[in-house]
Amino acid sequence: MQTEQILQTIRNLTESEQYTQALETVEALLANEPENDWAWYLKGNIYKKQEQWQQAINSYSQAIAINPANPATTMRRICKDILNFYDKTLYNP
């Protein structure tokens, strides 16, 4: 299977919430293509969907290190904004 087909498979698995299989597929791709920024981006998306924020940020950071123009830049900022959100009105001691 070609890289673009594998990336589409990962997208489809993520959208259908088959996260374990999506992670296995992206890990297999990254084992062969560790510099594939889109694979790192999609890995970040899988983690983001599972609310595993630190793993998502790490994956997005790897994508950005490979290609600073990758949309992972925006997604990493969004994850950090979510983690930094604090609303005093929701705090109940």
PDB file of N, CA and C in Angstrom:
ATOM      1  N   MET A   1       0.854  -1.179   0.000  1.00  0.00           N
ATOM      2  CA  MET A   1       0.000   0.000   0.000  1.00  0.00           C
ATOM      3  C   MET A   1       0.899   1.241   0.000  1.00  0.00           C
ATOM      4  N   GLN A   2       0.532   2.226  -0.778  1.00  0.00           N
ATOM      5  CA  GLN A   2       1.310   3.453  -0.852  1.00  0.00           C
ATOM      6  C   GLN A   2       1.047   4.332   0.369  1.00  0.00           C
ATOM      7  N   THR A   3       1.994   5.218   0.615  1.00  0.00           N
ATOM      8  CA  THR A   3       1.931   6.072   1.806  1.00  0.00           C
ATOM      9  C   THR A   3       0.618   6.856   1.885  1.00  0.00           C
ATOM     10  N   GLU A   4       0.186   7.447   0.786  1.00  0.00           N
ATOM     11  CA  GLU A   4      -1.040   8.248   0.820  1.00  0.00           C
ATOM     12  C   GLU A   4      -2.252   7.387   1.175  1.00  0.00           C
ATOM     13  N   GLN A   5      -2.278   6.170   0.716  1.00  0.00           N
ATOM     14  CA  GLN A   5      -3.376   5.256   1.054  1.00  0.00           C
ATOM     15  C   GLN A   5      -3.350   4.906   2.536  1.00  0.00           C
ATOM     16  N   ILE A   6      -2.152   4.707   3.069  1.00  0.00           N
ATOM     17  CA  ILE A   6      -2.016   4.402   4.495  1.00  0.00           C
ATOM     18  C   ILE A   6      -2.479   5.588   5.332  1.00  0.00           C
ATOM     19  N   LEU A   7      -2.084   6.790   4.921  1.00  0.00           N
ATOM     20  CA  LEU A   7      -2.516   7.987   5.646  1.00  0.00           C
ATOM     21  C   LEU A   7      -4.041   8.115   5.626  1.00  0.00           C
ATOM     22  N   GLN A   8      -4.660   7.814   4.497  1.00  0.00           N
ATOM     23  CA  GLN A   8      -6.118   7.878   4.412  1.00  0.00           C
ATOM     24  C   GLN A   8      -6.760   6.809   5.300  1.00  0.00           C
ATOM     25  N   THR A   9      -6.155   5.646   5.361  1.00  0.00           N
ATOM     26  CA  THR A   9      -6.649   4.586   6.240  1.00  0.00           C
ATOM     27  C   THR A   9      -6.608   5.043   7.689  1.00  0.00           C
ATOM     28  N   ILE A  10      -5.516   5.697   8.074  1.00  0.00           N
ATOM     29  CA  ILE A  10      -5.386   6.212   9.443  1.00  0.00           C
ATOM     30  C   ILE A  10      -6.473   7.245   9.717  1.00  0.00           C
ATOM     31  N   ARG A  11      -6.714   8.132   8.764  1.00  0.00           N
ATOM     32  CA  ARG A  11      -7.785   9.136   8.925  1.00  0.00           C
ATOM     33  C   ARG A  11      -9.132   8.450   9.125  1.00  0.00           C
ATOM     34  N   ASN A  12      -9.412   7.458   8.282  1.00  0.00           N
ATOM     35  CA  ASN A  12     -10.697   6.751   8.355  1.00  0.00           C
ATOM     36  C   ASN A  12     -10.863   6.025   9.686  1.00  0.00           C
ATOM     37  N   LEU A  13      -9.806   5.363  10.141  1.00  0.00           N
ATOM     38  CA  LEU A  13      -9.868   4.656  11.420  1.00  0.00           C
ATOM     39  C   LEU A  13     -10.088   5.631  12.570  1.00  0.00           C
ATOM     40  N   THR A  14      -9.437   6.781  12.515  1.00  0.00           N
ATOM     41  CA  THR A  14      -9.594   7.791  13.565  1.00  0.00           C
ATOM     42  C   THR A  14     -11.019   8.330  13.574  1.00  0.00           C
ATOM     43  N   GLU A  15     -11.556   8.634  12.398  1.00  0.00           N
ATOM     44  CA  GLU A  15     -12.922   9.153  12.308  1.00  0.00           C
ATOM     45  C   GLU A  15     -13.952   8.140  12.810  1.00  0.00           C
ATOM     46  N   SER A  16     -13.667   6.857  12.615  1.00  0.00           N
ATOM     47  CA  SER A  16     -14.610   5.829  13.076  1.00  0.00           C
ATOM     48  C   SER A  16     -14.281   5.363  14.497  1.00  0.00           C
ATOM     49  N   GLU A  17     -13.415   6.116  15.182  1.00  0.00           N
ATOM     50  CA  GLU A  17     -13.048   5.902  16.577  1.00  0.00           C
ATOM     51  C   GLU A  17     -12.399   4.544  16.827  1.00  0.00           C
ATOM     52  N   GLN A  18     -11.695   4.025  15.850  1.00  0.00           N
ATOM     53  CA  GLN A  18     -10.927   2.790  15.996  1.00  0.00           C
ATOM     54  C   GLN A  18      -9.477   3.171  16.311  1.00  0.00           C
ATOM     55  N   TYR A  19      -9.313   3.741  17.499  1.00  0.00           N
ATOM     56  CA  TYR A  19      -8.049   4.363  17.856  1.00  0.00           C
ATOM     57  C   TYR A  19      -6.895   3.370  17.983  1.00  0.00           C
ATOM     58  N   THR A  20      -7.137   2.197  18.535  1.00  0.00           N
ATOM     59  CA  THR A  20      -6.071   1.212  18.687  1.00  0.00           C
ATOM     60  C   THR A  20      -5.510   0.813  17.323  1.00  0.00           C
ATOM     61  N   GLN A  21      -6.399   0.518  16.403  1.00  0.00           N
ATOM     62  CA  GLN A  21      -5.963   0.127  15.068  1.00  0.00           C
ATOM     63  C   GLN A  21      -5.297   1.304  14.342  1.00  0.00           C
ATOM     64  N   ALA A  22      -5.817   2.511  14.542  1.00  0.00           N
ATOM     65  CA  ALA A  22      -5.217   3.699  13.926  1.00  0.00           C
ATOM     66  C   ALA A  22      -3.796   3.905  14.445  1.00  0.00           C
ATOM     67  N   LEU A  23      -3.605   3.752  15.756  1.00  0.00           N
ATOM     68  CA  LEU A  23      -2.264   3.912  16.333  1.00  0.00           C
ATOM     69  C   LEU A  23      -1.308   2.842  15.823  1.00  0.00           C
ATOM     70  N   GLU A  24      -1.787   1.607  15.728  1.00  0.00           N
ATOM     71  CA  GLU A  24      -0.943   0.533  15.208  1.00  0.00           C
ATOM     72  C   GLU A  24      -0.519   0.828  13.772  1.00  0.00           C
ATOM     73  N   THR A  25      -1.448   1.330  12.972  1.00  0.00           N
ATOM     74  CA  THR A  25      -1.161   1.632  11.576  1.00  0.00           C
ATOM     75  C   THR A  25      -0.180   2.784  11.448  1.00  0.00           C
ATOM     76  N   VAL A  26      -0.384   3.834  12.231  1.00  0.00           N
ATOM     77  CA  VAL A  26       0.527   4.984  12.152  1.00  0.00           C
ATOM     78  C   VAL A  26       1.913   4.617  12.683  1.00  0.00           C
ATOM     79  N   GLU A  27       1.974   3.790  13.710  1.00  0.00           N
ATOM     80  CA  GLU A  27       3.270   3.361  14.242  1.00  0.00           C
ATOM     81  C   GLU A  27       4.032   2.536  13.206  1.00  0.00           C
ATOM     82  N   ALA A  28       3.323   1.675  12.477  1.00  0.00           N
ATOM     83  CA  ALA A  28       3.961   0.876  11.429  1.00  0.00           C
ATOM     84  C   ALA A  28       4.498   1.780  10.320  1.00  0.00           C
ATOM     85  N   LEU A  29       3.730   2.800   9.967  1.00  0.00           N
ATOM     86  CA  LEU A  29       4.177   3.740   8.943  1.00  0.00           C
ATOM     87  C   LEU A  29       5.408   4.499   9.417  1.00  0.00           C
ATOM     88  N   LEU A  30       5.374   4.963  10.661  1.00  0.00           N
ATOM     89  CA  LEU A  30       6.502   5.734  11.195  1.00  0.00           C
ATOM     90  C   LEU A  30       7.759   4.871  11.364  1.00  0.00           C
ATOM     91  N   ALA A  31       7.586   3.571  11.555  1.00  0.00           N
ATOM     92  CA  ALA A  31       8.747   2.683  11.640  1.00  0.00           C
ATOM     93  C   ALA A  31       9.508   2.676  10.313  1.00  0.00           C
ATOM     94  N   ASN A  32       8.768   2.804   9.215  1.00  0.00           N
ATOM     95  CA  ASN A  32       9.377   2.820   7.884  1.00  0.00           C
ATOM     96  C   ASN A  32       9.708   4.224   7.396  1.00  0.00           C
ATOM     97  N   GLU A  33       8.935   5.206   7.861  1.00  0.00           N
ATOM     98  CA  GLU A  33       9.110   6.593   7.420  1.00  0.00           C
ATOM     99  C   GLU A  33       9.094   7.531   8.624  1.00  0.00           C
ATOM    100  N   PRO A  34      10.153   7.515   9.429  1.00  0.00           N
ATOM    101  CA  PRO A  34      10.148   8.326  10.657  1.00  0.00           C
ATOM    102  C   PRO A  34      10.115   9.833  10.413  1.00  0.00           C
ATOM    103  N   GLU A  35      10.390  10.271   9.201  1.00  0.00           N
ATOM    104  CA  GLU A  35      10.378  11.697   8.883  1.00  0.00           C
ATOM    105  C   GLU A  35       9.093  12.119   8.173  1.00  0.00           C
ATOM    106  N   ASN A  36       8.054  11.310   8.251  1.00  0.00           N
ATOM    107  CA  ASN A  36       6.783  11.623   7.603  1.00  0.00           C
ATOM    108  C   ASN A  36       5.988  12.543   8.534  1.00  0.00           C
ATOM    109  N   ASP A  37       6.002  13.839   8.239  1.00  0.00           N
ATOM    110  CA  ASP A  37       5.333  14.809   9.118  1.00  0.00           C
ATOM    111  C   ASP A  37       3.830  14.585   9.183  1.00  0.00           C
ATOM    112  N   TRP A  38       3.211  14.117   8.094  1.00  0.00           N
ATOM    113  CA  TRP A  38       1.773  13.882   8.107  1.00  0.00           C
ATOM    114  C   TRP A  38       1.404  12.712   9.009  1.00  0.00           C
ATOM    115  N   ALA A  39       2.258  11.703   9.073  1.00  0.00           N
ATOM    116  CA  ALA A  39       2.005  10.582   9.970  1.00  0.00           C
ATOM    117  C   ALA A  39       2.058  11.059  11.421  1.00  0.00           C
ATOM    118  N   TRP A  40       3.038  11.906  11.746  1.00  0.00           N
ATOM    119  CA  TRP A  40       3.120  12.466  13.101  1.00  0.00           C
ATOM    120  C   TRP A  40       1.902  13.326  13.415  1.00  0.00           C
ATOM    121  N   TYR A  41       1.460  14.097  12.430  1.00  0.00           N
ATOM    122  CA  TYR A  41       0.267  14.932  12.603  1.00  0.00           C
ATOM    123  C   TYR A  41      -0.959  14.064  12.900  1.00  0.00           C
ATOM    124  N   LEU A  42      -1.131  12.998  12.124  1.00  0.00           N
ATOM    125  CA  LEU A  42      -2.288  12.119  12.334  1.00  0.00           C
ATOM    126  C   LEU A  42      -2.192  11.391  13.671  1.00  0.00           C
ATOM    127  N   LYS A  43      -0.977  11.058  14.075  1.00  0.00           N
ATOM    128  CA  LYS A  43      -0.793  10.437  15.395  1.00  0.00           C
ATOM    129  C   LYS A  43      -1.246  11.404  16.488  1.00  0.00           C
ATOM    130  N   GLY A  44      -0.898  12.666  16.321  1.00  0.00           N
ATOM    131  CA  GLY A  44      -1.362  13.681  17.264  1.00  0.00           C
ATOM    132  C   GLY A  44      -2.879  13.768  17.286  1.00  0.00           C
ATOM    133  N   ASN A  45      -3.505  13.674  16.125  1.00  0.00           N
ATOM    134  CA  ASN A  45      -4.969  13.719  16.056  1.00  0.00           C
ATOM    135  C   ASN A  45      -5.603  12.549  16.797  1.00  0.00           C
ATOM    136  N   ILE A  46      -4.999  11.375  16.674  1.00  0.00           N
ATOM    137  CA  ILE A  46      -5.523  10.198  17.382  1.00  0.00           C
ATOM    138  C   ILE A  46      -5.488  10.456  18.881  1.00  0.00           C
ATOM    139  N   TYR A  47      -4.349  10.926  19.367  1.00  0.00           N
ATOM    140  CA  TYR A  47      -4.224  11.206  20.802  1.00  0.00           C
ATOM    141  C   TYR A  47      -5.158  12.323  21.241  1.00  0.00           C
ATOM    142  N   LYS A  48      -5.312  13.342  20.406  1.00  0.00           N
ATOM    143  CA  LYS A  48      -6.206  14.451  20.755  1.00  0.00           C
ATOM    144  C   LYS A  48      -7.638  13.944  20.909  1.00  0.00           C
ATOM    145  N   LYS A  49      -8.066  13.094  20.002  1.00  0.00           N
ATOM    146  CA  LYS A  49      -9.431  12.538  20.078  1.00  0.00           C
ATOM    147  C   LYS A  49      -9.637  11.763  21.372  1.00  0.00           C
ATOM    148  N   GLN A  50      -8.566  11.184  21.889  1.00  0.00           N
ATOM    149  CA  GLN A  50      -8.650  10.412  23.135  1.00  0.00           C
ATOM    150  C   GLN A  50      -8.368  11.279  24.365  1.00  0.00           C
ATOM    151  N   GLU A  51      -8.175  12.567  24.139  1.00  0.00           N
ATOM    152  CA  GLU A  51      -7.857  13.531  25.183  1.00  0.00           C
ATOM    153  C   GLU A  51      -6.574  13.178  25.926  1.00  0.00           C
ATOM    154  N   GLN A  52      -5.628  12.612  25.215  1.00  0.00           N
ATOM    155  CA  GLN A  52      -4.294  12.344  25.741  1.00  0.00           C
ATOM    156  C   GLN A  52      -3.407  13.502  25.271  1.00  0.00           C
ATOM    157  N   TRP A  53      -3.572  14.607  25.986  1.00  0.00           N
ATOM    158  CA  TRP A  53      -3.035  15.888  25.537  1.00  0.00           C
ATOM    159  C   TRP A  53      -1.524  15.906  25.386  1.00  0.00           C
ATOM    160  N   GLN A  54      -0.793  15.364  26.351  1.00  0.00           N
ATOM    161  CA  GLN A  54       0.673  15.428  26.268  1.00  0.00           C
ATOM    162  C   GLN A  54       1.189  14.621  25.081  1.00  0.00           C
ATOM    163  N   GLN A  55       0.620  13.432  24.849  1.00  0.00           N
ATOM    164  CA  GLN A  55       1.040  12.635  23.702  1.00  0.00           C
ATOM    165  C   GLN A  55       0.696  13.343  22.394  1.00  0.00           C
ATOM    166  N   ALA A  56      -0.449  14.016  22.366  1.00  0.00           N
ATOM    167  CA  ALA A  56      -0.842  14.768  21.171  1.00  0.00           C
ATOM    168  C   ALA A  56       0.150  15.896  20.920  1.00  0.00           C
ATOM    169  N   ILE A  57       0.479  16.652  21.954  1.00  0.00           N
ATOM    170  CA  ILE A  57       1.428  17.759  21.813  1.00  0.00           C
ATOM    171  C   ILE A  57       2.791  17.241  21.357  1.00  0.00           C
ATOM    172  N   ASN A  58       3.233  16.128  21.926  1.00  0.00           N
ATOM    173  CA  ASN A  58       4.518  15.555  21.527  1.00  0.00           C
ATOM    174  C   ASN A  58       4.514  15.157  20.049  1.00  0.00           C
ATOM    175  N   SER A  59       3.433  14.542  19.603  1.00  0.00           N
ATOM    176  CA  SER A  59       3.341  14.126  18.199  1.00  0.00           C
ATOM    177  C   SER A  59       3.292  15.340  17.279  1.00  0.00           C
ATOM    178  N   TYR A  60       2.501  16.328  17.647  1.00  0.00           N
ATOM    179  CA  TYR A  60       2.442  17.551  16.840  1.00  0.00           C
ATOM    180  C   TYR A  60       3.813  18.236  16.805  1.00  0.00           C
ATOM    181  N   SER A  61       4.506  18.250  17.920  1.00  0.00           N
ATOM    182  CA  SER A  61       5.837  18.874  17.964  1.00  0.00           C
ATOM    183  C   SER A  61       6.806  18.166  17.024  1.00  0.00           C
ATOM    184  N   GLN A  62       6.702  16.845  16.959  1.00  0.00           N
ATOM    185  CA  GLN A  62       7.565  16.086  16.052  1.00  0.00           C
ATOM    186  C   GLN A  62       7.253  16.452  14.600  1.00  0.00           C
ATOM    187  N   ALA A  63       5.969  16.580  14.274  1.00  0.00           N
ATOM    188  CA  ALA A  63       5.574  16.967  12.915  1.00  0.00           C
ATOM    189  C   ALA A  63       6.117  18.350  12.576  1.00  0.00           C
ATOM    190  N   ILE A  64       6.053  19.260  13.527  1.00  0.00           N
ATOM    191  CA  ILE A  64       6.530  20.633  13.309  1.00  0.00           C
ATOM    192  C   ILE A  64       8.044  20.658  13.136  1.00  0.00           C
ATOM    193  N   ALA A  65       8.763  19.820  13.889  1.00  0.00           N
ATOM    194  CA  ALA A  65      10.218  19.762  13.769  1.00  0.00           C
ATOM    195  C   ALA A  65      10.631  19.315  12.362  1.00  0.00           C
ATOM    196  N   ILE A  66       9.829  18.438  11.777  1.00  0.00           N
ATOM    197  CA  ILE A  66      10.117  17.941  10.427  1.00  0.00           C
ATOM    198  C   ILE A  66       9.699  18.967   9.377  1.00  0.00           C
ATOM    199  N   ASN A  67       8.517  19.560   9.583  1.00  0.00           N
ATOM    200  CA  ASN A  67       7.978  20.517   8.602  1.00  0.00           C
ATOM    201  C   ASN A  67       7.225  21.620   9.344  1.00  0.00           C
ATOM    202  N   PRO A  68       7.848  22.768   9.548  1.00  0.00           N
ATOM    203  CA  PRO A  68       7.201  23.860  10.289  1.00  0.00           C
ATOM    204  C   PRO A  68       5.901  24.363   9.652  1.00  0.00           C
ATOM    205  N   ALA A  69       5.671  24.064   8.383  1.00  0.00           N
ATOM    206  CA  ALA A  69       4.444  24.508   7.708  1.00  0.00           C
ATOM    207  C   ALA A  69       3.287  23.535   7.911  1.00  0.00           C
ATOM    208  N   ASN A  70       3.512  22.438   8.609  1.00  0.00           N
ATOM    209  CA  ASN A  70       2.467  21.443   8.850  1.00  0.00           C
ATOM    210  C   ASN A  70       1.370  22.052   9.721  1.00  0.00           C
ATOM    211  N   PRO A  71       0.097  21.673   9.493  1.00  0.00           N
ATOM    212  CA  PRO A  71      -0.992  22.198  10.329  1.00  0.00           C
ATOM    213  C   PRO A  71      -0.898  21.782  11.796  1.00  0.00           C
ATOM    214  N   ALA A  72       0.066  20.963  12.123  1.00  0.00           N
ATOM    215  CA  ALA A  72       0.278  20.578  13.520  1.00  0.00           C
ATOM    216  C   ALA A  72       0.570  21.798  14.384  1.00  0.00           C
ATOM    217  N   THR A  73       1.088  22.850  13.780  1.00  0.00           N
ATOM    218  CA  THR A  73       1.374  24.086  14.517  1.00  0.00           C
ATOM    219  C   THR A  73       0.106  24.603  15.188  1.00  0.00           C
ATOM    220  N   THR A  74      -0.957  24.658  14.425  1.00  0.00           N
ATOM    221  CA  THR A  74      -2.241  25.128  14.961  1.00  0.00           C
ATOM    222  C   THR A  74      -2.794  24.151  15.990  1.00  0.00           C
ATOM    223  N   MET A  75      -2.707  22.866  15.681  1.00  0.00           N
ATOM    224  CA  MET A  75      -3.272  21.863  16.588  1.00  0.00           C
ATOM    225  C   MET A  75      -2.532  21.819  17.925  1.00  0.00           C
ATOM    226  N   ARG A  76      -1.218  21.990  17.881  1.00  0.00           N
ATOM    227  CA  ARG A  76      -0.455  22.008  19.132  1.00  0.00           C
ATOM    228  C   ARG A  76      -0.881  23.198  19.988  1.00  0.00           C
ATOM    229  N   ARG A  77      -1.068  24.353  19.343  1.00  0.00           N
ATOM    230  CA  ARG A  77      -1.513  25.544  20.083  1.00  0.00           C
ATOM    231  C   ARG A  77      -2.886  25.306  20.701  1.00  0.00           C
ATOM    232  N   ILE A  78      -3.784  24.673  19.955  1.00  0.00           N
ATOM    233  CA  ILE A  78      -5.127  24.381  20.463  1.00  0.00           C
ATOM    234  C   ILE A  78      -5.044  23.470  21.685  1.00  0.00           C
ATOM    235  N   CYS A  79      -4.227  22.434  21.611  1.00  0.00           N
ATOM    236  CA  CYS A  79      -4.070  21.529  22.757  1.00  0.00           C
ATOM    237  C   CYS A  79      -3.538  22.270  23.976  1.00  0.00           C
ATOM    238  N   LYS A  80      -2.562  23.125  23.751  1.00  0.00           N
ATOM    239  CA  LYS A  80      -2.009  23.893  24.872  1.00  0.00           C
ATOM    240  C   LYS A  80      -3.051  24.852  25.444  1.00  0.00           C
ATOM    241  N   ASP A  81      -3.859  25.450  24.582  1.00  0.00           N
ATOM    242  CA  ASP A  81      -4.930  26.332  25.062  1.00  0.00           C
ATOM    243  C   ASP A  81      -5.931  25.562  25.914  1.00  0.00           C
ATOM    244  N   ILE A  82      -6.249  24.355  25.509  1.00  0.00           N
ATOM    245  CA  ILE A  82      -7.176  23.527  26.282  1.00  0.00           C
ATOM    246  C   ILE A  82      -6.581  23.226  27.654  1.00  0.00           C
ATOM    247  N   LEU A  83      -5.311  22.876  27.675  1.00  0.00           N
ATOM    248  CA  LEU A  83      -4.665  22.553  28.953  1.00  0.00           C
ATOM    249  C   LEU A  83      -4.512  23.774  29.849  1.00  0.00           C
ATOM    250  N   ASN A  84      -4.372  24.949  29.252  1.00  0.00           N
ATOM    251  CA  ASN A  84      -4.187  26.172  30.032  1.00  0.00           C
ATOM    252  C   ASN A  84      -5.497  26.840  30.444  1.00  0.00           C
ATOM    253  N   PHE A  85      -6.604  26.304  29.977  1.00  0.00           N
ATOM    254  CA  PHE A  85      -7.891  26.911  30.287  1.00  0.00           C
ATOM    255  C   PHE A  85      -8.193  26.759  31.775  1.00  0.00           C
ATOM    256  N   TYR A  86      -8.610  27.831  32.360  1.00  0.00           N
ATOM    257  CA  TYR A  86      -8.984  27.813  33.768  1.00  0.00           C
ATOM    258  C   TYR A  86     -10.114  28.811  33.962  1.00  0.00           C
ATOM    259  N   ASP A  87     -11.213  28.352  34.468  1.00  0.00           N
ATOM    260  CA  ASP A  87     -12.371  29.196  34.703  1.00  0.00           C
ATOM    261  C   ASP A  87     -12.687  29.184  36.190  1.00  0.00           C
ATOM    262  N   LYS A  88     -12.442  30.306  36.856  1.00  0.00           N
ATOM    263  CA  LYS A  88     -12.657  30.386  38.298  1.00  0.00           C
ATOM    264  C   LYS A  88     -14.100  30.109  38.694  1.00  0.00           C
ATOM    265  N   THR A  89     -15.038  30.378  37.790  1.00  0.00           N
ATOM    266  CA  THR A  89     -16.455  30.136  38.121  1.00  0.00           C
ATOM    267  C   THR A  89     -16.777  28.656  38.192  1.00  0.00           C
ATOM    268  N   LEU A  90     -15.905  27.807  37.631  1.00  0.00           N
ATOM    269  CA  LEU A  90     -16.142  26.366  37.660  1.00  0.00           C
ATOM    270  C   LEU A  90     -15.460  25.700  38.834  1.00  0.00           C
ATOM    271  N   TYR A  91     -14.673  26.469  39.557  1.00  0.00           N
ATOM    272  CA  TYR A  91     -13.924  25.914  40.689  1.00  0.00           C
ATOM    273  C   TYR A  91     -14.825  25.790  41.904  1.00  0.00           C
ATOM    274  N   ASN A  92     -14.903  24.616  42.479  1.00  0.00           N
ATOM    275  CA  ASN A  92     -15.729  24.346  43.633  1.00  0.00           C
ATOM    276  C   ASN A  92     -14.895  23.676  44.717  1.00  0.00           C
ATOM    277  N   PRO A  93     -14.454  24.440  45.725  1.00  0.00           N
ATOM    278  CA  PRO A  93     -13.589  23.829  46.771  1.00  0.00           C
ATOM    279  C   PRO A  93     -14.344  22.859  47.649  1.00  0.00           C
TER     280      PRO A  93
END
